[in-house]
Amino acid sequence: MSTKMRVCLFLAALLPALCTASAQQTPETGKSRSIHLNVVVRSGSGTKAGPPVADLQQQDFTLIDNKLPRPITAFKAVRGSDAPTRVILLIDALNTRFTTVAYERDEAQKFLRSNGGHLTHPTAVAVLTDKGVQMQPAFSRDGNALADALGHYEIGLRELTRSTGIYGANDRLQISTLAVRQLTNYAATLPGRKALLWISPGWALLSGPRIELNAKQQQGVFGDVVAYSTEMREANLTLYNINPIGASEGLLRSNYYQTFLKGISKPSQVDLGDLGLQVLAIQSGGLTFESSSDTAGLLKQSLEDLDAWYEIDFDAVVSEKPNEYHHIEIKLDKPGLIARTRDGYYAQPR
């Protein structure tokens, strides 16, 4: 059997399970058109970014929707200490080499025990294995207790029977994207702003010249892209990806996700890489860290976003057709400052 034929059979098995989200994601008429954004402002970007800037006014911001300015309908400068926040810290034992999982756990425990174990935000610990995502039932500010609990999680070798090759990648992709959706739905039940810190090199992007989607498959993946974008936005959830492999991973492999960062406007543009962990993180307004192995330090840096931010609301455009993609930009009237928020939203007809 040719490689291309094997890939086609693989896709036929993959797409029905993967596209559960799109099957349930239908435009709702009469729903509020208000879009809520969390905007973090810093000087610089990446690991060299300065602390969040907290003293700006509404007139310093211009909201751009598909290259056109839109009026801001609500504005609020927020201090994290004054707002309800929740943090979910996830150890990915599914998409990580067994030798790296122990390092993930050690770094997570190091982070939890820092500052004497006194956490700034209520935090819960989760673990992803081939059995799915397991999460403790309650949030706590006691980092020492959370670190102890994390030490008791069973994080062993994978039991997937097809753990290698494209079929193993298929299994991990399905389990991982399901976990994202489950945690997003759970976050939607919690008050305030939520941050999901996902320690992982990410799952396979399963895209390239040998991976071809037919029109029906493209429509299904496009529906998933819309569903994840909309549900994470409505859950007020921001995703952060910390790669524990860091600088030891090849530059080409670690940066491949950047191919898929641009928002998707129509089904013919999609690839399975559009559902990659790094892509979902950046499009949610979060970050992905690839160049450092200081996982504990990067966890701390991710949560600096919760020290101070700006809540900006505006009314979505009424589209002529369902799921019309709109790219969002925030421009500042302050040289040297960079605003970061989610990548965009999908507009719906009235």
C-alpha atoms as a PDB file:
ATOM      1  CA  MET A   1       0.000   0.000   0.000  1.00  0.00           C
ATOM      2  CA  SER A   2       1.373   3.416  -0.954  1.00  0.00           C
ATOM      3  CA  THR A   3       2.223   6.042   1.653  1.00  0.00           C
ATOM      4  CA  LYS A   4      -0.432   8.385   0.254  1.00  0.00           C
ATOM      5  CA  MET A   5      -3.096   5.663   0.497  1.00  0.00           C
ATOM      6  CA  ARG A   6      -2.127   4.916   4.114  1.00  0.00           C
ATOM      7  CA  VAL A   7      -2.411   8.613   4.947  1.00  0.00           C
ATOM      8  CA  CYS A   8      -5.864   8.816   3.340  1.00  0.00           C
ATOM      9  CA  LEU A   9      -7.083   5.836   5.372  1.00  0.00           C
ATOM     10  CA  PHE A  10      -5.623   7.404   8.509  1.00  0.00           C
ATOM     11  CA  LEU A  11      -7.486  10.654   7.840  1.00  0.00           C
ATOM     12  CA  ALA A  12     -10.728   8.791   7.234  1.00  0.00           C
ATOM     13  CA  ALA A  13     -10.389   7.254  10.705  1.00  0.00           C
ATOM     14  CA  LEU A  14      -9.261  10.466  12.357  1.00  0.00           C
ATOM     15  CA  LEU A  15     -11.706  13.099  11.193  1.00  0.00           C
ATOM     16  CA  PRO A  16     -15.027  11.649  12.471  1.00  0.00           C
ATOM     17  CA  ALA A  17     -13.660  11.518  16.028  1.00  0.00           C
ATOM     18  CA  LEU A  18     -11.792  14.795  15.844  1.00  0.00           C
ATOM     19  CA  CYS A  19     -14.682  16.861  14.515  1.00  0.00           C
ATOM     20  CA  THR A  20     -17.063  16.288  17.441  1.00  0.00           C
ATOM     21  CA  ALA A  21     -16.680  19.932  18.420  1.00  0.00           C
ATOM     22  CA  SER A  22     -17.677  21.219  14.995  1.00  0.00           C
ATOM     23  CA  ALA A  23     -20.746  19.012  14.891  1.00  0.00           C
ATOM     24  CA  GLN A  24     -21.992  20.718  18.039  1.00  0.00           C
ATOM     25  CA  GLN A  25     -20.867  24.244  17.131  1.00  0.00           C
ATOM     26  CA  THR A  26     -23.763  25.952  15.365  1.00  0.00           C
ATOM     27  CA  PRO A  27     -24.325  29.701  15.187  1.00  0.00           C
ATOM     28  CA  GLU A  28     -26.823  30.961  17.761  1.00  0.00           C
ATOM     29  CA  THR A  29     -29.229  33.681  16.718  1.00  0.00           C
ATOM     30  CA  GLY A  30     -30.165  36.339  19.246  1.00  0.00           C
ATOM     31  CA  LYS A  31     -26.935  35.882  21.203  1.00  0.00           C
ATOM     32  CA  SER A  32     -25.103  38.961  22.491  1.00  0.00           C
ATOM     33  CA  ARG A  33     -22.662  40.392  19.966  1.00  0.00           C
ATOM     34  CA  SER A  34     -20.393  41.773  22.688  1.00  0.00           C
ATOM     35  CA  ILE A  35     -16.805  40.524  22.470  1.00  0.00           C
ATOM     36  CA  HIS A  36     -14.740  40.576  25.669  1.00  0.00           C
ATOM     37  CA  LEU A  37     -10.954  40.839  25.450  1.00  0.00           C
ATOM     38  CA  ASN A  38      -8.205  40.574  28.043  1.00  0.00           C
ATOM     39  CA  VAL A  39      -5.344  42.786  26.890  1.00  0.00           C
ATOM     40  CA  VAL A  40      -1.855  42.562  28.404  1.00  0.00           C
ATOM     41  CA  VAL A  41       0.534  45.440  27.736  1.00  0.00           C
ATOM     42  CA  ARG A  42       4.303  45.054  28.104  1.00  0.00           C
ATOM     43  CA  SER A  43       7.489  46.617  26.873  1.00  0.00           C
ATOM     44  CA  GLY A  44       9.135  44.034  24.621  1.00  0.00           C
ATOM     45  CA  SER A  45       8.010  40.453  24.056  1.00  0.00           C
ATOM     46  CA  GLY A  46       8.913  36.843  24.806  1.00  0.00           C
ATOM     47  CA  THR A  47      11.277  36.003  27.651  1.00  0.00           C
ATOM     48  CA  LYS A  48      12.709  39.548  27.566  1.00  0.00           C
ATOM     49  CA  ALA A  49       9.374  41.310  28.064  1.00  0.00           C
ATOM     50  CA  GLY A  50       9.038  43.808  30.861  1.00  0.00           C
ATOM     51  CA  PRO A  51       6.358  43.557  33.568  1.00  0.00           C
ATOM     52  CA  PRO A  52       2.723  44.297  32.646  1.00  0.00           C
ATOM     53  CA  VAL A  53       1.990  48.012  32.329  1.00  0.00           C
ATOM     54  CA  ALA A  54      -0.915  49.052  34.539  1.00  0.00           C
ATOM     55  CA  ASP A  55      -1.435  52.811  34.221  1.00  0.00           C
ATOM     56  CA  LEU A  56      -2.945  53.311  30.750  1.00  0.00           C
ATOM     57  CA  GLN A  57      -6.276  54.943  29.912  1.00  0.00           C
ATOM     58  CA  GLN A  58      -8.937  54.054  27.351  1.00  0.00           C
ATOM     59  CA  GLN A  59      -7.789  56.825  25.022  1.00  0.00           C
ATOM     60  CA  ASP A  60      -4.406  55.079  24.747  1.00  0.00           C
ATOM     61  CA  PHE A  61      -6.028  52.112  22.967  1.00  0.00           C
ATOM     62  CA  THR A  62      -7.340  51.701  19.430  1.00  0.00           C
ATOM     63  CA  LEU A  63      -9.156  48.485  18.547  1.00  0.00           C
ATOM     64  CA  ILE A  64      -8.774  47.288  14.953  1.00  0.00           C
ATOM     65  CA  ASP A  65     -11.168  44.692  13.508  1.00  0.00           C
ATOM     66  CA  ASN A  66     -10.136  43.430  10.046  1.00  0.00           C
ATOM     67  CA  LYS A  67      -8.046  46.590   9.543  1.00  0.00           C
ATOM     68  CA  LEU A  68     -10.929  48.908  10.498  1.00  0.00           C
ATOM     69  CA  PRO A  69     -11.246  50.742  13.848  1.00  0.00           C
ATOM     70  CA  ARG A  70     -14.150  49.690  16.076  1.00  0.00           C
ATOM     71  CA  PRO A  71     -15.571  51.648  19.020  1.00  0.00           C
ATOM     72  CA  ILE A  72     -14.715  50.339  22.492  1.00  0.00           C
ATOM     73  CA  THR A  73     -17.958  49.838  24.438  1.00  0.00           C
ATOM     74  CA  ALA A  74     -16.412  49.034  27.830  1.00  0.00           C
ATOM     75  CA  PHE A  75     -12.963  49.519  29.337  1.00  0.00           C
ATOM     76  CA  LYS A  76     -11.459  48.569  32.689  1.00  0.00           C
ATOM     77  CA  ALA A  77      -7.913  48.463  34.032  1.00  0.00           C
ATOM     78  CA  VAL A  78      -7.590  45.376  36.233  1.00  0.00           C
ATOM     79  CA  ARG A  79      -5.191  44.431  39.002  1.00  0.00           C
ATOM     80  CA  GLY A  80      -4.936  40.679  39.444  1.00  0.00           C
ATOM     81  CA  SER A  81      -5.125  40.977  43.224  1.00  0.00           C
ATOM     82  CA  ASP A  82      -8.564  42.599  42.886  1.00  0.00           C
ATOM     83  CA  ALA A  83     -10.095  40.210  40.332  1.00  0.00           C
ATOM     84  CA  PRO A  84     -11.238  36.569  40.491  1.00  0.00           C
ATOM     85  CA  THR A  85      -8.655  34.372  38.787  1.00  0.00           C
ATOM     86  CA  ARG A  86      -8.036  30.634  38.505  1.00  0.00           C
ATOM     87  CA  VAL A  87      -4.974  28.717  37.285  1.00  0.00           C
ATOM     88  CA  ILE A  88      -4.863  25.149  35.960  1.00  0.00           C
ATOM     89  CA  LEU A  89      -1.357  23.641  35.822  1.00  0.00           C
ATOM     90  CA  LEU A  90      -1.198  20.622  33.513  1.00  0.00           C
ATOM     91  CA  ILE A  91       1.555  18.027  33.237  1.00  0.00           C
ATOM     92  CA  ASP A  92       1.453  16.385  29.799  1.00  0.00           C
ATOM     93  CA  ALA A  93       2.647  12.802  30.142  1.00  0.00           C
ATOM     94  CA  LEU A  94       1.033  11.792  26.843  1.00  0.00           C
ATOM     95  CA  ASN A  95       3.015  13.880  24.362  1.00  0.00           C
ATOM     96  CA  THR A  96       6.283  13.888  26.295  1.00  0.00           C
ATOM     97  CA  ARG A  97       9.097  11.350  26.362  1.00  0.00           C
ATOM     98  CA  PHE A  98       9.064   9.292  29.548  1.00  0.00           C
ATOM     99  CA  THR A  99      12.501  10.612  30.503  1.00  0.00           C
ATOM    100  CA  THR A 100      11.178  14.182  30.275  1.00  0.00           C
ATOM    101  CA  VAL A 101       7.992  13.633  32.299  1.00  0.00           C
ATOM    102  CA  ALA A 102       9.946  13.373  35.550  1.00  0.00           C
ATOM    103  CA  TYR A 103      11.578  16.713  34.755  1.00  0.00           C
ATOM    104  CA  GLU A 104       8.147  18.233  34.042  1.00  0.00           C
ATOM    105  CA  ARG A 105       6.902  17.120  37.441  1.00  0.00           C
ATOM    106  CA  ASP A 106      10.038  18.300  39.260  1.00  0.00           C
ATOM    107  CA  GLU A 107       9.815  21.747  37.656  1.00  0.00           C
ATOM    108  CA  ALA A 108       6.095  22.009  38.398  1.00  0.00           C
ATOM    109  CA  GLN A 109       6.728  21.117  42.038  1.00  0.00           C
ATOM    110  CA  LYS A 110       9.580  23.625  42.168  1.00  0.00           C
ATOM    111  CA  PHE A 111       7.209  26.311  40.910  1.00  0.00           C
ATOM    112  CA  LEU A 112       4.477  25.325  43.373  1.00  0.00           C
ATOM    113  CA  ARG A 113       6.869  25.369  46.347  1.00  0.00           C
ATOM    114  CA  SER A 114       8.428  28.735  45.440  1.00  0.00           C
ATOM    115  CA  ASN A 115       7.653  31.705  47.673  1.00  0.00           C
ATOM    116  CA  GLY A 116       7.230  29.309  50.563  1.00  0.00           C
ATOM    117  CA  GLY A 117       4.389  27.559  48.755  1.00  0.00           C
ATOM    118  CA  HIS A 118       2.174  30.665  48.880  1.00  0.00           C
ATOM    119  CA  LEU A 119       0.447  30.941  45.495  1.00  0.00           C
ATOM    120  CA  THR A 120      -0.901  34.254  44.243  1.00  0.00           C
ATOM    121  CA  HIS A 121      -3.860  32.654  42.450  1.00  0.00           C
ATOM    122  CA  PRO A 122      -6.092  29.677  43.322  1.00  0.00           C
ATOM    123  CA  THR A 123      -4.524  26.780  41.440  1.00  0.00           C
ATOM    124  CA  ALA A 124      -5.453  23.227  40.494  1.00  0.00           C
ATOM    125  CA  VAL A 125      -3.170  20.507  39.132  1.00  0.00           C
ATOM    126  CA  ALA A 126      -4.037  18.245  36.194  1.00  0.00           C
ATOM    127  CA  VAL A 127      -2.236  15.402  34.430  1.00  0.00           C
ATOM    128  CA  LEU A 128      -2.778  14.188  30.851  1.00  0.00           C
ATOM    129  CA  THR A 129      -2.076  10.528  30.072  1.00  0.00           C
ATOM    130  CA  ASP A 130      -3.336   8.108  27.449  1.00  0.00           C
ATOM    131  CA  LYS A 131      -6.372   7.606  29.713  1.00  0.00           C
ATOM    132  CA  GLY A 132      -7.336  11.256  29.377  1.00  0.00           C
ATOM    133  CA  VAL A 133      -7.050  14.250  31.662  1.00  0.00           C
ATOM    134  CA  GLN A 134      -7.161  13.819  35.438  1.00  0.00           C
ATOM    135  CA  MET A 135      -7.660  16.875  37.619  1.00  0.00           C
ATOM    136  CA  GLN A 136      -7.899  17.464  41.328  1.00  0.00           C
ATOM    137  CA  PRO A 137     -11.390  18.545  42.430  1.00  0.00           C
ATOM    138  CA  ALA A 138     -10.544  21.835  44.183  1.00  0.00           C
ATOM    139  CA  PHE A 139      -8.406  24.943  43.746  1.00  0.00           C
ATOM    140  CA  SER A 140      -5.913  25.969  46.414  1.00  0.00           C
ATOM    141  CA  ARG A 141      -3.328  28.645  47.192  1.00  0.00           C
ATOM    142  CA  ASP A 142      -1.283  26.105  49.170  1.00  0.00           C
ATOM    143  CA  GLY A 143       1.495  25.288  46.726  1.00  0.00           C
ATOM    144  CA  ASN A 144       3.159  22.814  49.071  1.00  0.00           C
ATOM    145  CA  ALA A 145      -0.021  20.742  49.321  1.00  0.00           C
ATOM    146  CA  LEU A 146      -0.454  20.837  45.545  1.00  0.00           C
ATOM    147  CA  ALA A 147       3.158  19.767  45.017  1.00  0.00           C
ATOM    148  CA  ASP A 148       2.632  16.849  47.397  1.00  0.00           C
ATOM    149  CA  ALA A 149      -0.552  15.856  45.564  1.00  0.00           C
ATOM    150  CA  LEU A 150       1.236  16.018  42.223  1.00  0.00           C
ATOM    151  CA  GLY A 151       3.847  13.624  43.571  1.00  0.00           C
ATOM    152  CA  HIS A 152       1.135  11.002  44.096  1.00  0.00           C
ATOM    153  CA  TYR A 153      -0.216  11.078  40.544  1.00  0.00           C
ATOM    154  CA  GLU A 154       0.591   7.919  38.594  1.00  0.00           C
ATOM    155  CA  ILE A 155       2.488   9.103  35.530  1.00  0.00           C
ATOM    156  CA  GLY A 156       3.805   5.980  33.894  1.00  0.00           C
ATOM    157  CA  LEU A 157       4.575   4.577  30.484  1.00  0.00           C
ATOM    158  CA  ARG A 158       1.946   4.968  27.782  1.00  0.00           C
ATOM    159  CA  GLU A 159      -0.415   2.074  27.209  1.00  0.00           C
ATOM    160  CA  LEU A 160      -1.424   3.067  23.671  1.00  0.00           C
ATOM    161  CA  THR A 161      -1.074   0.014  21.459  1.00  0.00           C
ATOM    162  CA  ARG A 162      -0.200   2.132  18.409  1.00  0.00           C
ATOM    163  CA  SER A 163       2.147   4.535  20.173  1.00  0.00           C
ATOM    164  CA  THR A 164       4.492   4.970  17.218  1.00  0.00           C
ATOM    165  CA  GLY A 165       4.039   6.300  13.720  1.00  0.00           C
ATOM    166  CA  ILE A 166       1.104   8.173  12.271  1.00  0.00           C
ATOM    167  CA  TYR A 167      -1.543   6.096  14.058  1.00  0.00           C
ATOM    168  CA  GLY A 168       0.043   6.765  17.428  1.00  0.00           C
ATOM    169  CA  ALA A 169       0.133  10.456  16.569  1.00  0.00           C
ATOM    170  CA  ASN A 170      -3.563  10.184  15.674  1.00  0.00           C
ATOM    171  CA  ASP A 171      -4.378   8.696  19.095  1.00  0.00           C
ATOM    172  CA  ARG A 172      -2.462  11.394  20.949  1.00  0.00           C
ATOM    173  CA  LEU A 173      -4.008  14.175  18.863  1.00  0.00           C
ATOM    174  CA  GLN A 174      -7.526  12.978  19.637  1.00  0.00           C
ATOM    175  CA  ILE A 175      -6.878  12.584  23.375  1.00  0.00           C
ATOM    176  CA  SER A 176      -5.108  15.938  23.592  1.00  0.00           C
ATOM    177  CA  THR A 177      -7.678  18.012  21.716  1.00  0.00           C
ATOM    178  CA  LEU A 178     -10.470  16.364  23.705  1.00  0.00           C
ATOM    179  CA  ALA A 179      -8.662  17.386  26.898  1.00  0.00           C
ATOM    180  CA  VAL A 180      -8.458  20.988  25.678  1.00  0.00           C
ATOM    181  CA  ARG A 181     -12.199  21.005  25.089  1.00  0.00           C
ATOM    182  CA  GLN A 182     -13.009  19.371  28.433  1.00  0.00           C
ATOM    183  CA  LEU A 183     -10.875  21.864  30.355  1.00  0.00           C
ATOM    184  CA  THR A 184     -12.354  24.754  28.367  1.00  0.00           C
ATOM    185  CA  ASN A 185     -15.884  23.644  29.190  1.00  0.00           C
ATOM    186  CA  TYR A 186     -14.925  23.307  32.849  1.00  0.00           C
ATOM    187  CA  ALA A 187     -13.323  26.761  32.855  1.00  0.00           C
ATOM    188  CA  ALA A 188     -16.573  28.200  31.512  1.00  0.00           C
ATOM    189  CA  THR A 189     -18.264  27.233  34.806  1.00  0.00           C
ATOM    190  CA  LEU A 190     -15.761  29.234  36.895  1.00  0.00           C
ATOM    191  CA  PRO A 191     -15.924  32.970  37.608  1.00  0.00           C
ATOM    192  CA  GLY A 192     -13.352  35.474  36.375  1.00  0.00           C
ATOM    193  CA  ARG A 193     -10.289  35.023  34.243  1.00  0.00           C
ATOM    194  CA  LYS A 194      -8.635  31.611  33.875  1.00  0.00           C
ATOM    195  CA  ALA A 195      -5.133  30.599  32.786  1.00  0.00           C
ATOM    196  CA  LEU A 196      -4.259  27.078  31.603  1.00  0.00           C
ATOM    197  CA  LEU A 197      -0.514  26.372  31.876  1.00  0.00           C
ATOM    198  CA  TRP A 198       0.224  23.329  29.680  1.00  0.00           C
ATOM    199  CA  ILE A 199       3.731  21.865  30.116  1.00  0.00           C
ATOM    200  CA  SER A 200       4.400  19.969  26.894  1.00  0.00           C
ATOM    201  CA  PRO A 201       6.329  19.971  23.608  1.00  0.00           C
ATOM    202  CA  GLY A 202       2.879  19.683  21.989  1.00  0.00           C
ATOM    203  CA  TRP A 203       1.282  16.982  19.884  1.00  0.00           C
ATOM    204  CA  ALA A 204       2.103  16.186  16.261  1.00  0.00           C
ATOM    205  CA  LEU A 205       0.807  18.809  13.820  1.00  0.00           C
ATOM    206  CA  LEU A 206       0.091  16.127  11.192  1.00  0.00           C
ATOM    207  CA  SER A 207       0.409  18.531   8.291  1.00  0.00           C
ATOM    208  CA  GLY A 208       2.550  18.604   5.187  1.00  0.00           C
ATOM    209  CA  PRO A 209       2.641  17.578   1.533  1.00  0.00           C
ATOM    210  CA  ARG A 210       1.673  13.954   2.307  1.00  0.00           C
ATOM    211  CA  ILE A 211      -1.327  14.918   4.454  1.00  0.00           C
ATOM    212  CA  GLU A 212      -4.188  15.959   2.172  1.00  0.00           C
ATOM    213  CA  LEU A 213      -7.723  16.704   3.378  1.00  0.00           C
ATOM    214  CA  ASN A 214     -10.721  16.368   1.095  1.00  0.00           C
ATOM    215  CA  ALA A 215     -13.470  19.014   1.076  1.00  0.00           C
ATOM    216  CA  LYS A 216     -15.604  17.267   3.706  1.00  0.00           C
ATOM    217  CA  GLN A 217     -12.628  16.826   6.014  1.00  0.00           C
ATOM    218  CA  GLN A 218     -11.619  20.461   5.561  1.00  0.00           C
ATOM    219  CA  GLN A 219     -15.135  21.546   6.512  1.00  0.00           C
ATOM    220  CA  GLY A 220     -14.964  19.415   9.643  1.00  0.00           C
ATOM    221  CA  VAL A 221     -11.584  20.756  10.764  1.00  0.00           C
ATOM    222  CA  PHE A 222     -12.729  24.316  10.033  1.00  0.00           C
ATOM    223  CA  GLY A 223     -15.700  23.710  12.324  1.00  0.00           C
ATOM    224  CA  ASP A 224     -13.286  22.576  15.033  1.00  0.00           C
ATOM    225  CA  VAL A 225     -11.160  25.701  14.600  1.00  0.00           C
ATOM    226  CA  VAL A 226     -14.273  27.870  15.020  1.00  0.00           C
ATOM    227  CA  ALA A 227     -15.440  25.864  18.028  1.00  0.00           C
ATOM    228  CA  TYR A 228     -12.160  26.022  19.940  1.00  0.00           C
ATOM    229  CA  SER A 229     -11.742  29.736  19.237  1.00  0.00           C
ATOM    230  CA  THR A 230     -15.278  30.609  20.309  1.00  0.00           C
ATOM    231  CA  GLU A 231     -15.440  28.368  23.358  1.00  0.00           C
ATOM    232  CA  MET A 232     -12.085  29.486  24.768  1.00  0.00           C
ATOM    233  CA  ARG A 233     -13.058  33.135  24.288  1.00  0.00           C
ATOM    234  CA  GLU A 234     -16.442  32.683  25.947  1.00  0.00           C
ATOM    235  CA  ALA A 235     -14.853  30.718  28.821  1.00  0.00           C
ATOM    236  CA  ASN A 236     -12.482  33.666  29.462  1.00  0.00           C
ATOM    237  CA  LEU A 237      -9.612  31.170  29.233  1.00  0.00           C
ATOM    238  CA  THR A 238      -6.060  31.910  28.109  1.00  0.00           C
ATOM    239  CA  LEU A 239      -3.731  29.026  27.222  1.00  0.00           C
ATOM    240  CA  TYR A 240       0.036  29.054  27.824  1.00  0.00           C
ATOM    241  CA  ASN A 241       2.377  26.394  26.420  1.00  0.00           C
ATOM    242  CA  ILE A 242       5.706  25.760  28.141  1.00  0.00           C
ATOM    243  CA  ASN A 243       7.940  23.351  26.219  1.00  0.00           C
ATOM    244  CA  PRO A 244      10.075  21.442  28.777  1.00  0.00           C
ATOM    245  CA  ILE A 245      12.528  20.381  26.068  1.00  0.00           C
ATOM    246  CA  GLY A 246      13.351  24.033  25.429  1.00  0.00           C
ATOM    247  CA  ALA A 247      16.559  24.928  23.637  1.00  0.00           C
ATOM    248  CA  SER A 248      17.549  21.271  23.133  1.00  0.00           C
ATOM    249  CA  GLU A 249      14.798  20.823  20.524  1.00  0.00           C
ATOM    250  CA  GLY A 250      15.698  21.458  16.893  1.00  0.00           C
ATOM    251  CA  LEU A 251      14.897  24.984  15.718  1.00  0.00           C
ATOM    252  CA  LEU A 252      13.033  23.814  12.607  1.00  0.00           C
ATOM    253  CA  ARG A 253      10.793  21.449  14.558  1.00  0.00           C
ATOM    254  CA  SER A 254      10.127  23.846  17.421  1.00  0.00           C
ATOM    255  CA  ASN A 255       9.145  26.686  15.071  1.00  0.00           C
ATOM    256  CA  TYR A 256       7.027  24.688  12.613  1.00  0.00           C
ATOM    257  CA  TYR A 257       3.810  25.679  14.419  1.00  0.00           C
ATOM    258  CA  GLN A 258       4.340  29.276  13.236  1.00  0.00           C
ATOM    259  CA  THR A 259       3.159  28.153   9.795  1.00  0.00           C
ATOM    260  CA  PHE A 260      -0.361  27.861  11.230  1.00  0.00           C
ATOM    261  CA  LEU A 261      -0.687  31.011  13.331  1.00  0.00           C
ATOM    262  CA  LYS A 262      -2.651  33.054  10.808  1.00  0.00           C
ATOM    263  CA  GLY A 263      -6.396  32.970  11.403  1.00  0.00           C
ATOM    264  CA  ILE A 264      -8.454  30.685   9.166  1.00  0.00           C
ATOM    265  CA  SER A 265     -11.119  32.351   7.023  1.00  0.00           C
ATOM    266  CA  LYS A 266     -12.500  29.381   5.069  1.00  0.00           C
ATOM    267  CA  PRO A 267     -12.374  25.573   5.050  1.00  0.00           C
ATOM    268  CA  SER A 268     -10.018  25.356   2.069  1.00  0.00           C
ATOM    269  CA  GLN A 269      -7.264  26.981   4.180  1.00  0.00           C
ATOM    270  CA  VAL A 270      -7.222  24.461   7.033  1.00  0.00           C
ATOM    271  CA  ASP A 271      -4.637  21.908   8.097  1.00  0.00           C
ATOM    272  CA  LEU A 272      -4.617  19.712  11.180  1.00  0.00           C
ATOM    273  CA  GLY A 273      -1.751  21.916  12.355  1.00  0.00           C
ATOM    274  CA  ASP A 274      -4.337  24.641  12.999  1.00  0.00           C
ATOM    275  CA  LEU A 275      -5.305  22.621  16.097  1.00  0.00           C
ATOM    276  CA  GLY A 276      -1.751  22.458  17.467  1.00  0.00           C
ATOM    277  CA  LEU A 277      -1.125  23.301  21.124  1.00  0.00           C
ATOM    278  CA  GLN A 278       1.177  26.224  20.343  1.00  0.00           C
ATOM    279  CA  VAL A 279      -1.301  27.608  17.807  1.00  0.00           C
ATOM    280  CA  LEU A 280      -4.240  27.424  20.223  1.00  0.00           C
ATOM    281  CA  ALA A 281      -2.146  29.110  22.921  1.00  0.00           C
ATOM    282  CA  ILE A 282      -1.087  32.106  20.853  1.00  0.00           C
ATOM    283  CA  GLN A 283      -4.502  32.552  19.256  1.00  0.00           C
ATOM    284  CA  SER A 284      -6.105  32.587  22.723  1.00  0.00           C
ATOM    285  CA  GLY A 285      -3.917  35.561  23.669  1.00  0.00           C
ATOM    286  CA  GLY A 286      -1.426  33.443  25.586  1.00  0.00           C
ATOM    287  CA  LEU A 287       2.186  32.509  24.964  1.00  0.00           C
ATOM    288  CA  THR A 288       4.313  29.575  23.892  1.00  0.00           C
ATOM    289  CA  PHE A 289       7.862  29.245  25.227  1.00  0.00           C
ATOM    290  CA  GLU A 290      10.313  27.191  23.158  1.00  0.00           C
ATOM    291  CA  SER A 291      13.790  28.593  23.808  1.00  0.00           C
ATOM    292  CA  SER A 292      14.426  27.883  27.499  1.00  0.00           C
ATOM    293  CA  SER A 293      14.443  24.776  29.678  1.00  0.00           C
ATOM    294  CA  ASP A 294      13.749  26.779  32.855  1.00  0.00           C
ATOM    295  CA  THR A 295      10.210  25.441  33.083  1.00  0.00           C
ATOM    296  CA  ALA A 296       9.599  26.682  36.628  1.00  0.00           C
ATOM    297  CA  GLY A 297      10.742  30.162  35.643  1.00  0.00           C
ATOM    298  CA  LEU A 298       8.531  30.169  32.543  1.00  0.00           C
ATOM    299  CA  LEU A 299       5.505  29.129  34.596  1.00  0.00           C
ATOM    300  CA  LYS A 300       6.124  32.124  36.820  1.00  0.00           C
ATOM    301  CA  GLN A 301       6.583  34.408  33.817  1.00  0.00           C
ATOM    302  CA  SER A 302       3.324  33.185  32.264  1.00  0.00           C
ATOM    303  CA  LEU A 303       1.400  34.170  35.372  1.00  0.00           C
ATOM    304  CA  GLU A 304       2.766  37.701  35.261  1.00  0.00           C
ATOM    305  CA  ASP A 305      -0.034  38.268  32.734  1.00  0.00           C
ATOM    306  CA  LEU A 306      -2.435  38.019  35.685  1.00  0.00           C
ATOM    307  CA  ASP A 307      -0.722  40.825  37.608  1.00  0.00           C
ATOM    308  CA  ALA A 308      -2.370  43.555  35.537  1.00  0.00           C
ATOM    309  CA  TRP A 309      -4.384  43.705  32.333  1.00  0.00           C
ATOM    310  CA  TYR A 310      -7.130  45.627  30.572  1.00  0.00           C
ATOM    311  CA  GLU A 311     -10.646  44.422  29.881  1.00  0.00           C
ATOM    312  CA  ILE A 312     -11.919  45.780  26.574  1.00  0.00           C
ATOM    313  CA  ASP A 313     -15.358  45.087  25.119  1.00  0.00           C
ATOM    314  CA  PHE A 314     -16.686  45.858  21.659  1.00  0.00           C
ATOM    315  CA  ASP A 315     -19.585  44.752  19.483  1.00  0.00           C
ATOM    316  CA  ALA A 316     -18.861  42.086  16.911  1.00  0.00           C
ATOM    317  CA  VAL A 317     -19.581  42.792  13.274  1.00  0.00           C
ATOM    318  CA  VAL A 318     -22.789  41.255  11.941  1.00  0.00           C
ATOM    319  CA  SER A 319     -21.639  38.992   9.123  1.00  0.00           C
ATOM    320  CA  GLU A 320     -23.406  37.989   5.939  1.00  0.00           C
ATOM    321  CA  LYS A 321     -22.576  34.313   6.459  1.00  0.00           C
ATOM    322  CA  PRO A 322     -21.802  32.078   9.461  1.00  0.00           C
ATOM    323  CA  ASN A 323     -18.286  31.827  10.882  1.00  0.00           C
ATOM    324  CA  GLU A 324     -16.722  34.852   9.199  1.00  0.00           C
ATOM    325  CA  TYR A 325     -13.224  35.308  10.624  1.00  0.00           C
ATOM    326  CA  HIS A 326     -12.206  38.728  11.959  1.00  0.00           C
ATOM    327  CA  HIS A 327      -8.628  39.495  12.954  1.00  0.00           C
ATOM    328  CA  ILE A 328      -8.165  41.701  16.031  1.00  0.00           C
ATOM    329  CA  GLU A 329      -5.342  44.140  16.687  1.00  0.00           C
ATOM    330  CA  ILE A 330      -4.816  46.512  19.603  1.00  0.00           C
ATOM    331  CA  LYS A 331      -2.757  49.588  18.816  1.00  0.00           C
ATOM    332  CA  LEU A 332      -1.291  51.820  21.516  1.00  0.00           C
ATOM    333  CA  ASP A 333      -0.581  55.516  21.567  1.00  0.00           C
ATOM    334  CA  LYS A 334       2.567  54.792  23.591  1.00  0.00           C
ATOM    335  CA  PRO A 335       5.882  54.092  21.798  1.00  0.00           C
ATOM    336  CA  GLY A 336       7.743  50.992  22.939  1.00  0.00           C
ATOM    337  CA  LEU A 337       4.711  49.191  24.364  1.00  0.00           C
ATOM    338  CA  ILE A 338       3.183  46.031  22.887  1.00  0.00           C
ATOM    339  CA  ALA A 339      -0.419  44.936  23.466  1.00  0.00           C
ATOM    340  CA  ARG A 340      -1.268  41.234  23.345  1.00  0.00           C
ATOM    341  CA  THR A 341      -4.742  39.739  23.179  1.00  0.00           C
ATOM    342  CA  ARG A 342      -6.515  36.945  21.351  1.00  0.00           C
ATOM    343  CA  ASP A 343      -5.993  36.692  17.589  1.00  0.00           C
ATOM    344  CA  GLY A 344      -9.586  37.114  16.444  1.00  0.00           C
ATOM    345  CA  TYR A 345     -13.182  35.910  16.525  1.00  0.00           C
ATOM    346  CA  TYR A 346     -15.791  34.393  14.220  1.00  0.00           C
ATOM    347  CA  ALA A 347     -18.689  36.718  13.409  1.00  0.00           C
ATOM    348  CA  GLN A 348     -22.219  35.431  12.838  1.00  0.00           C
ATOM    349  CA  PRO A 349     -25.296  36.742  10.996  1.00  0.00           C
ATOM    350  CA  ARG A 350     -27.900  38.606  13.017  1.00  0.00           C
END
